[in-house]
N, C-alpha and C. Protein backbone atom coordinates (compact mmCIF):
# COMPACT_ATOMS: atom_id res chain seq x y z
N MET A 1 129.62 46.87 164.16
CA MET A 1 130.90 46.21 164.03
C MET A 1 130.75 44.69 164.19
N ALA A 2 129.97 44.27 165.17
CA ALA A 2 129.75 42.84 165.40
C ALA A 2 129.10 42.20 164.19
N PHE A 3 128.15 42.90 163.56
CA PHE A 3 127.48 42.39 162.38
C PHE A 3 128.46 42.16 161.24
N VAL A 4 129.40 43.06 161.05
CA VAL A 4 130.41 42.96 159.99
C VAL A 4 131.32 41.77 160.25
N LEU A 5 131.75 41.58 161.50
CA LEU A 5 132.60 40.44 161.83
C LEU A 5 131.85 39.12 161.65
N PHE A 6 130.59 39.09 162.07
CA PHE A 6 129.78 37.87 161.94
C PHE A 6 129.56 37.54 160.46
N THR A 7 129.28 38.53 159.64
CA THR A 7 129.09 38.32 158.20
C THR A 7 130.37 37.82 157.56
N ALA A 8 131.49 38.35 157.92
CA ALA A 8 132.78 37.91 157.39
C ALA A 8 133.04 36.45 157.79
N TYR A 9 132.68 36.10 159.01
CA TYR A 9 132.84 34.73 159.49
C TYR A 9 131.98 33.76 158.67
N ILE A 10 130.75 34.11 158.41
CA ILE A 10 129.83 33.25 157.65
C ILE A 10 130.32 33.10 156.22
N LEU A 11 130.81 34.17 155.63
CA LEU A 11 131.26 34.10 154.25
C LEU A 11 132.51 33.24 154.09
N ARG A 12 133.35 33.17 155.10
CA ARG A 12 134.56 32.33 155.05
C ARG A 12 134.21 30.84 155.20
N LYS A 13 133.18 30.54 155.93
CA LYS A 13 132.80 29.17 156.20
C LYS A 13 132.17 28.54 154.95
N LYS A 14 132.58 27.33 154.61
CA LYS A 14 132.02 26.64 153.46
C LYS A 14 130.71 25.98 153.88
N PRO A 15 129.74 25.96 153.00
CA PRO A 15 128.49 25.28 153.34
C PRO A 15 128.75 23.77 153.43
N PRO A 16 128.00 23.10 154.28
CA PRO A 16 128.20 21.65 154.39
C PRO A 16 127.84 20.96 153.08
N GLU A 17 128.60 19.91 152.74
CA GLU A 17 128.33 19.19 151.52
C GLU A 17 127.10 18.32 151.71
N THR A 18 126.32 18.23 150.68
CA THR A 18 125.13 17.40 150.73
C THR A 18 125.55 15.95 150.51
N PRO A 19 125.18 15.07 151.44
CA PRO A 19 125.58 13.67 151.26
C PRO A 19 124.86 13.06 150.06
N VAL A 20 125.56 12.18 149.35
CA VAL A 20 124.97 11.49 148.21
C VAL A 20 124.35 10.21 148.75
N ILE A 21 123.07 10.09 148.53
CA ILE A 21 122.36 8.90 149.00
C ILE A 21 122.08 8.03 147.78
N ALA A 22 122.61 6.82 147.82
CA ALA A 22 122.43 5.90 146.70
C ALA A 22 121.02 5.34 146.72
N SER A 23 120.52 5.07 145.55
CA SER A 23 119.20 4.47 145.46
C SER A 23 119.28 3.02 145.92
N PRO A 24 118.17 2.47 146.44
CA PRO A 24 118.18 1.06 146.89
C PRO A 24 118.58 0.11 145.76
N ALA A 25 118.15 0.39 144.55
CA ALA A 25 118.48 -0.49 143.43
C ALA A 25 119.98 -0.48 143.14
N LYS A 26 120.58 0.73 143.17
CA LYS A 26 122.02 0.84 142.91
C LYS A 26 122.80 0.15 144.03
N THR A 27 122.36 0.31 145.26
CA THR A 27 123.02 -0.33 146.39
C THR A 27 122.93 -1.85 146.26
N ALA A 28 121.76 -2.35 145.88
CA ALA A 28 121.58 -3.79 145.72
C ALA A 28 122.46 -4.34 144.60
N LEU A 29 122.54 -3.62 143.49
CA LEU A 29 123.38 -4.06 142.38
C LEU A 29 124.85 -4.07 142.76
N THR A 30 125.28 -3.06 143.50
CA THR A 30 126.67 -3.01 143.95
C THR A 30 126.97 -4.18 144.87
N ALA A 31 126.06 -4.45 145.80
CA ALA A 31 126.25 -5.57 146.73
C ALA A 31 126.29 -6.89 145.98
N LEU A 32 125.41 -7.06 145.00
CA LEU A 32 125.39 -8.28 144.21
C LEU A 32 126.69 -8.45 143.43
N ALA A 33 127.19 -7.38 142.85
CA ALA A 33 128.44 -7.45 142.09
C ALA A 33 129.60 -7.84 143.00
N LEU A 34 129.65 -7.28 144.19
CA LEU A 34 130.71 -7.64 145.14
C LEU A 34 130.59 -9.09 145.57
N LEU A 35 129.37 -9.55 145.80
CA LEU A 35 129.14 -10.92 146.22
C LEU A 35 129.56 -11.90 145.13
N LEU A 36 129.17 -11.62 143.88
CA LEU A 36 129.55 -12.49 142.78
C LEU A 36 131.05 -12.51 142.56
N SER A 37 131.68 -11.36 142.69
CA SER A 37 133.13 -11.28 142.54
C SER A 37 133.83 -12.10 143.62
N ALA A 38 133.38 -11.95 144.85
CA ALA A 38 133.97 -12.71 145.95
C ALA A 38 133.71 -14.19 145.78
N SER A 39 132.52 -14.54 145.32
CA SER A 39 132.16 -15.93 145.11
C SER A 39 133.02 -16.58 144.03
N ALA A 40 133.25 -15.86 142.94
CA ALA A 40 134.09 -16.37 141.85
C ALA A 40 135.53 -16.56 142.33
N ALA A 41 136.03 -15.62 143.08
CA ALA A 41 137.40 -15.73 143.60
C ALA A 41 137.51 -16.91 144.55
N HIS A 42 136.48 -17.09 145.38
CA HIS A 42 136.47 -18.22 146.32
C HIS A 42 136.44 -19.54 145.57
N ALA A 43 135.62 -19.62 144.52
CA ALA A 43 135.51 -20.85 143.73
C ALA A 43 136.83 -21.19 143.06
N GLN A 44 137.54 -20.17 142.55
CA GLN A 44 138.84 -20.41 141.93
C GLN A 44 139.84 -20.93 142.94
N ALA A 45 139.85 -20.33 144.13
CA ALA A 45 140.76 -20.79 145.18
C ALA A 45 140.35 -22.19 145.63
N GLY A 46 139.04 -22.41 145.73
CA GLY A 46 138.54 -23.72 146.14
C GLY A 46 138.89 -24.79 145.12
N ALA A 47 138.79 -24.46 143.83
CA ALA A 47 139.10 -25.42 142.77
C ALA A 47 140.58 -25.81 142.82
N ALA A 48 141.46 -24.86 143.08
CA ALA A 48 142.89 -25.17 143.18
C ALA A 48 143.16 -26.07 144.38
N ASP A 49 142.54 -25.77 145.50
CA ASP A 49 142.68 -26.63 146.69
C ASP A 49 142.09 -28.01 146.42
N GLY A 50 140.95 -28.03 145.72
CA GLY A 50 140.29 -29.29 145.40
C GLY A 50 141.13 -30.18 144.50
N GLU A 51 141.78 -29.56 143.52
CA GLU A 51 142.66 -30.34 142.63
C GLU A 51 143.81 -30.94 143.44
N ARG A 52 144.38 -30.14 144.31
CA ARG A 52 145.48 -30.64 145.15
C ARG A 52 145.01 -31.82 145.99
N LEU A 53 143.82 -31.71 146.59
CA LEU A 53 143.27 -32.80 147.41
C LEU A 53 142.95 -34.04 146.57
N ALA A 54 142.34 -33.82 145.40
CA ALA A 54 141.96 -34.94 144.54
C ALA A 54 143.17 -35.74 144.08
N PHE A 55 144.29 -35.05 143.83
CA PHE A 55 145.50 -35.71 143.36
C PHE A 55 146.40 -36.19 144.50
N ASP A 56 146.09 -35.82 145.73
CA ASP A 56 146.89 -36.20 146.90
C ASP A 56 146.61 -37.66 147.24
N ARG A 57 147.61 -38.49 147.10
CA ARG A 57 147.44 -39.94 147.35
C ARG A 57 147.18 -40.25 148.82
N GLY A 58 147.42 -39.32 149.70
CA GLY A 58 147.20 -39.56 151.12
C GLY A 58 145.92 -38.95 151.66
N LYS A 59 145.22 -38.17 150.88
CA LYS A 59 144.03 -37.48 151.41
C LYS A 59 142.80 -37.84 150.58
N GLY A 60 142.52 -37.09 149.51
CA GLY A 60 141.35 -37.37 148.69
C GLY A 60 141.52 -38.66 147.89
N ASN A 61 142.69 -38.78 147.27
CA ASN A 61 143.08 -39.98 146.55
C ASN A 61 142.09 -40.38 145.46
N CYS A 62 141.47 -39.42 144.81
CA CYS A 62 140.50 -39.70 143.75
C CYS A 62 141.13 -40.49 142.61
N LEU A 63 142.42 -40.25 142.36
CA LEU A 63 143.11 -40.91 141.26
C LEU A 63 143.26 -42.42 141.46
N SER A 64 143.10 -42.90 142.67
CA SER A 64 143.24 -44.35 142.85
C SER A 64 142.10 -45.10 142.17
N CYS A 65 140.97 -44.42 141.94
CA CYS A 65 139.82 -45.08 141.29
C CYS A 65 139.37 -44.42 139.99
N HIS A 66 139.69 -43.14 139.81
CA HIS A 66 139.16 -42.38 138.67
C HIS A 66 140.27 -41.81 137.79
N ALA A 67 139.98 -41.76 136.49
CA ALA A 67 140.84 -41.03 135.56
C ALA A 67 140.41 -39.57 135.61
N ILE A 68 141.39 -38.68 135.82
CA ILE A 68 141.12 -37.24 135.90
C ILE A 68 142.16 -36.55 135.03
N LYS A 69 141.68 -35.65 134.18
CA LYS A 69 142.59 -34.89 133.31
C LYS A 69 143.67 -34.22 134.16
N GLY A 70 144.93 -34.45 133.80
CA GLY A 70 146.05 -33.86 134.52
C GLY A 70 146.61 -34.74 135.61
N GLY A 71 145.95 -35.86 135.88
CA GLY A 71 146.42 -36.76 136.94
C GLY A 71 147.29 -37.88 136.41
N ASP A 72 148.21 -38.37 137.24
CA ASP A 72 149.11 -39.45 136.87
C ASP A 72 148.64 -40.78 137.44
N SER A 73 148.81 -41.84 136.67
CA SER A 73 148.50 -43.21 137.09
C SER A 73 147.09 -43.36 137.66
N PRO A 74 146.07 -43.06 136.87
CA PRO A 74 144.71 -43.17 137.38
C PRO A 74 144.24 -44.61 137.50
N GLY A 75 143.27 -44.83 138.37
CA GLY A 75 142.65 -46.13 138.50
C GLY A 75 141.50 -46.26 137.53
N THR A 76 140.91 -47.45 137.48
CA THR A 76 139.81 -47.69 136.56
C THR A 76 138.59 -48.27 137.25
N ILE A 77 138.59 -48.28 138.57
CA ILE A 77 137.45 -48.83 139.32
C ILE A 77 136.22 -47.96 139.13
N GLY A 78 136.41 -46.64 139.23
CA GLY A 78 135.31 -45.70 139.07
C GLY A 78 135.29 -45.09 137.69
N PRO A 79 134.24 -44.36 137.38
CA PRO A 79 134.16 -43.72 136.06
C PRO A 79 135.17 -42.58 135.93
N ALA A 80 135.52 -42.29 134.69
CA ALA A 80 136.39 -41.14 134.43
C ALA A 80 135.65 -39.88 134.85
N LEU A 81 136.36 -38.97 135.47
CA LEU A 81 135.74 -37.72 135.94
C LEU A 81 135.94 -36.64 134.88
N ALA A 82 134.96 -36.53 134.00
CA ALA A 82 134.98 -35.55 132.92
C ALA A 82 133.56 -35.07 132.69
N ASP A 83 133.41 -33.85 132.22
CA ASP A 83 132.09 -33.24 131.97
C ASP A 83 131.18 -33.33 133.20
N ILE A 84 131.76 -33.12 134.35
CA ILE A 84 131.03 -33.29 135.61
C ILE A 84 129.88 -32.30 135.74
N LYS A 85 130.12 -31.06 135.37
CA LYS A 85 129.07 -30.05 135.53
C LYS A 85 127.85 -30.38 134.67
N ALA A 86 128.08 -30.98 133.51
CA ALA A 86 126.97 -31.39 132.64
C ALA A 86 126.24 -32.60 133.24
N LYS A 87 126.99 -33.51 133.83
CA LYS A 87 126.39 -34.71 134.43
C LYS A 87 125.66 -34.40 135.73
N TYR A 88 126.20 -33.46 136.49
CA TYR A 88 125.62 -33.08 137.78
C TYR A 88 125.46 -31.57 137.85
N PRO A 89 124.43 -31.03 137.19
CA PRO A 89 124.25 -29.58 137.19
C PRO A 89 123.93 -29.02 138.58
N ASP A 90 123.33 -29.84 139.42
CA ASP A 90 123.03 -29.40 140.78
C ASP A 90 124.21 -29.75 141.68
N ARG A 91 124.89 -28.75 142.15
CA ARG A 91 126.09 -28.93 142.98
C ARG A 91 125.82 -29.79 144.21
N LYS A 92 124.62 -29.67 144.76
CA LYS A 92 124.26 -30.43 145.96
C LYS A 92 124.37 -31.93 145.73
N ASP A 93 124.01 -32.38 144.53
CA ASP A 93 124.10 -33.81 144.22
C ASP A 93 125.54 -34.28 144.27
N LEU A 94 126.43 -33.50 143.71
CA LEU A 94 127.85 -33.87 143.68
C LEU A 94 128.44 -33.85 145.09
N VAL A 95 128.06 -32.87 145.90
CA VAL A 95 128.52 -32.83 147.29
C VAL A 95 128.05 -34.08 148.02
N ALA A 96 126.79 -34.46 147.81
CA ALA A 96 126.24 -35.65 148.47
C ALA A 96 126.98 -36.92 148.05
N ILE A 97 127.37 -37.02 146.79
CA ILE A 97 128.10 -38.19 146.30
C ILE A 97 129.46 -38.29 146.97
N VAL A 98 130.17 -37.18 147.03
CA VAL A 98 131.50 -37.21 147.66
C VAL A 98 131.38 -37.43 149.17
N ARG A 99 130.38 -36.82 149.78
CA ARG A 99 130.19 -36.96 151.22
C ARG A 99 129.87 -38.41 151.59
N ASP A 100 128.88 -39.01 150.90
CA ASP A 100 128.47 -40.38 151.25
C ASP A 100 127.65 -40.98 150.11
N GLU A 101 128.31 -41.58 149.14
CA GLU A 101 127.63 -42.18 147.98
C GLU A 101 126.79 -43.39 148.38
N THR A 102 127.06 -43.98 149.55
CA THR A 102 126.29 -45.16 149.97
C THR A 102 124.82 -44.83 150.22
N LYS A 103 124.50 -43.58 150.47
CA LYS A 103 123.09 -43.19 150.65
C LYS A 103 122.32 -43.31 149.34
N ARG A 104 122.99 -43.02 148.24
CA ARG A 104 122.37 -43.09 146.92
C ARG A 104 122.53 -44.48 146.31
N ASN A 105 123.68 -45.09 146.54
CA ASN A 105 124.01 -46.39 145.97
C ASN A 105 124.68 -47.25 147.05
N PRO A 106 123.89 -48.05 147.78
CA PRO A 106 124.46 -48.85 148.88
C PRO A 106 125.54 -49.85 148.45
N GLN A 107 125.59 -50.20 147.16
CA GLN A 107 126.55 -51.18 146.67
C GLN A 107 127.87 -50.56 146.19
N THR A 108 128.01 -49.25 146.33
CA THR A 108 129.21 -48.57 145.83
C THR A 108 130.45 -48.99 146.60
N VAL A 109 131.58 -48.91 145.93
CA VAL A 109 132.86 -49.13 146.61
C VAL A 109 133.53 -47.79 146.95
N MET A 110 132.86 -46.69 146.59
CA MET A 110 133.42 -45.37 146.90
C MET A 110 133.32 -45.11 148.40
N PRO A 111 134.43 -44.73 149.00
CA PRO A 111 134.40 -44.46 150.45
C PRO A 111 133.50 -43.27 150.77
N PRO A 112 132.78 -43.32 151.89
CA PRO A 112 131.99 -42.16 152.33
C PRO A 112 132.91 -41.13 152.98
N PHE A 113 133.48 -40.27 152.18
CA PHE A 113 134.52 -39.34 152.63
C PHE A 113 134.07 -38.44 153.77
N GLY A 114 132.84 -38.01 153.75
CA GLY A 114 132.33 -37.14 154.81
C GLY A 114 131.92 -37.93 156.05
N ARG A 115 131.14 -38.97 155.84
CA ARG A 115 130.65 -39.76 156.98
C ARG A 115 131.79 -40.37 157.78
N ASN A 116 132.82 -40.82 157.08
CA ASN A 116 133.97 -41.43 157.77
C ASN A 116 135.03 -40.41 158.16
N ARG A 117 134.73 -39.13 157.92
CA ARG A 117 135.63 -38.03 158.28
C ARG A 117 137.01 -38.14 157.64
N ILE A 118 137.02 -38.68 156.43
CA ILE A 118 138.25 -38.72 155.65
C ILE A 118 138.54 -37.31 155.16
N LEU A 119 137.48 -36.61 154.78
CA LEU A 119 137.57 -35.21 154.34
C LEU A 119 136.63 -34.36 155.17
N THR A 120 137.03 -33.12 155.41
CA THR A 120 136.16 -32.17 156.10
C THR A 120 135.15 -31.61 155.09
N GLU A 121 134.14 -30.92 155.58
CA GLU A 121 133.17 -30.29 154.69
C GLU A 121 133.86 -29.28 153.77
N LYS A 122 134.81 -28.55 154.30
CA LYS A 122 135.56 -27.57 153.50
C LYS A 122 136.32 -28.28 152.39
N GLU A 123 136.94 -29.40 152.70
CA GLU A 123 137.69 -30.16 151.70
C GLU A 123 136.76 -30.77 150.65
N ILE A 124 135.61 -31.27 151.08
CA ILE A 124 134.63 -31.82 150.14
C ILE A 124 134.18 -30.72 149.18
N ASN A 125 133.88 -29.54 149.70
CA ASN A 125 133.46 -28.43 148.86
C ASN A 125 134.55 -28.01 147.89
N ALA A 126 135.81 -28.05 148.33
CA ALA A 126 136.92 -27.70 147.44
C ALA A 126 137.03 -28.72 146.32
N ILE A 127 136.90 -30.00 146.64
CA ILE A 127 136.96 -31.04 145.60
C ILE A 127 135.80 -30.88 144.62
N VAL A 128 134.62 -30.57 145.11
CA VAL A 128 133.48 -30.34 144.23
C VAL A 128 133.73 -29.12 143.34
N ASP A 129 134.32 -28.06 143.90
CA ASP A 129 134.69 -26.89 143.08
C ASP A 129 135.61 -27.33 141.94
N PHE A 130 136.58 -28.17 142.25
CA PHE A 130 137.51 -28.67 141.22
C PHE A 130 136.78 -29.53 140.21
N LEU A 131 135.97 -30.48 140.68
CA LEU A 131 135.28 -31.39 139.77
C LEU A 131 134.38 -30.64 138.80
N GLN A 132 133.82 -29.53 139.24
CA GLN A 132 132.96 -28.76 138.36
C GLN A 132 133.72 -28.02 137.26
N THR A 133 135.05 -28.00 137.36
CA THR A 133 135.86 -27.40 136.30
C THR A 133 136.23 -28.43 135.23
N LEU A 134 135.99 -29.68 135.50
CA LEU A 134 136.37 -30.74 134.54
C LEU A 134 135.35 -30.87 133.43
């Protein structure tokens, strides 16, 4: 009798499901896709913040010296900001220019936005995100 009850119990119980183990390559590709997606979304948000800062007469104030597509009443002291990604394919160079152009060109009239703490690193990166869209 005990054998019959035990057999009935085993037959009612479902076997455990076998876990699916992803291959390392598939896991790496999934992680890379998520990273690129998050990076693109961050860059879009950063570019919007950067545009706001670049056009803000009280913060970035890029328009006081540069002509920028979409900006009102641009200055002419600095070069027009267009085709930036082609001119500066290495993002680090553009970050360095916005942070402190005097290191590269001691005679510049461009304020050292990072060194003088006019802009934070986050704000500088947002402006660079925006400039790379021009």
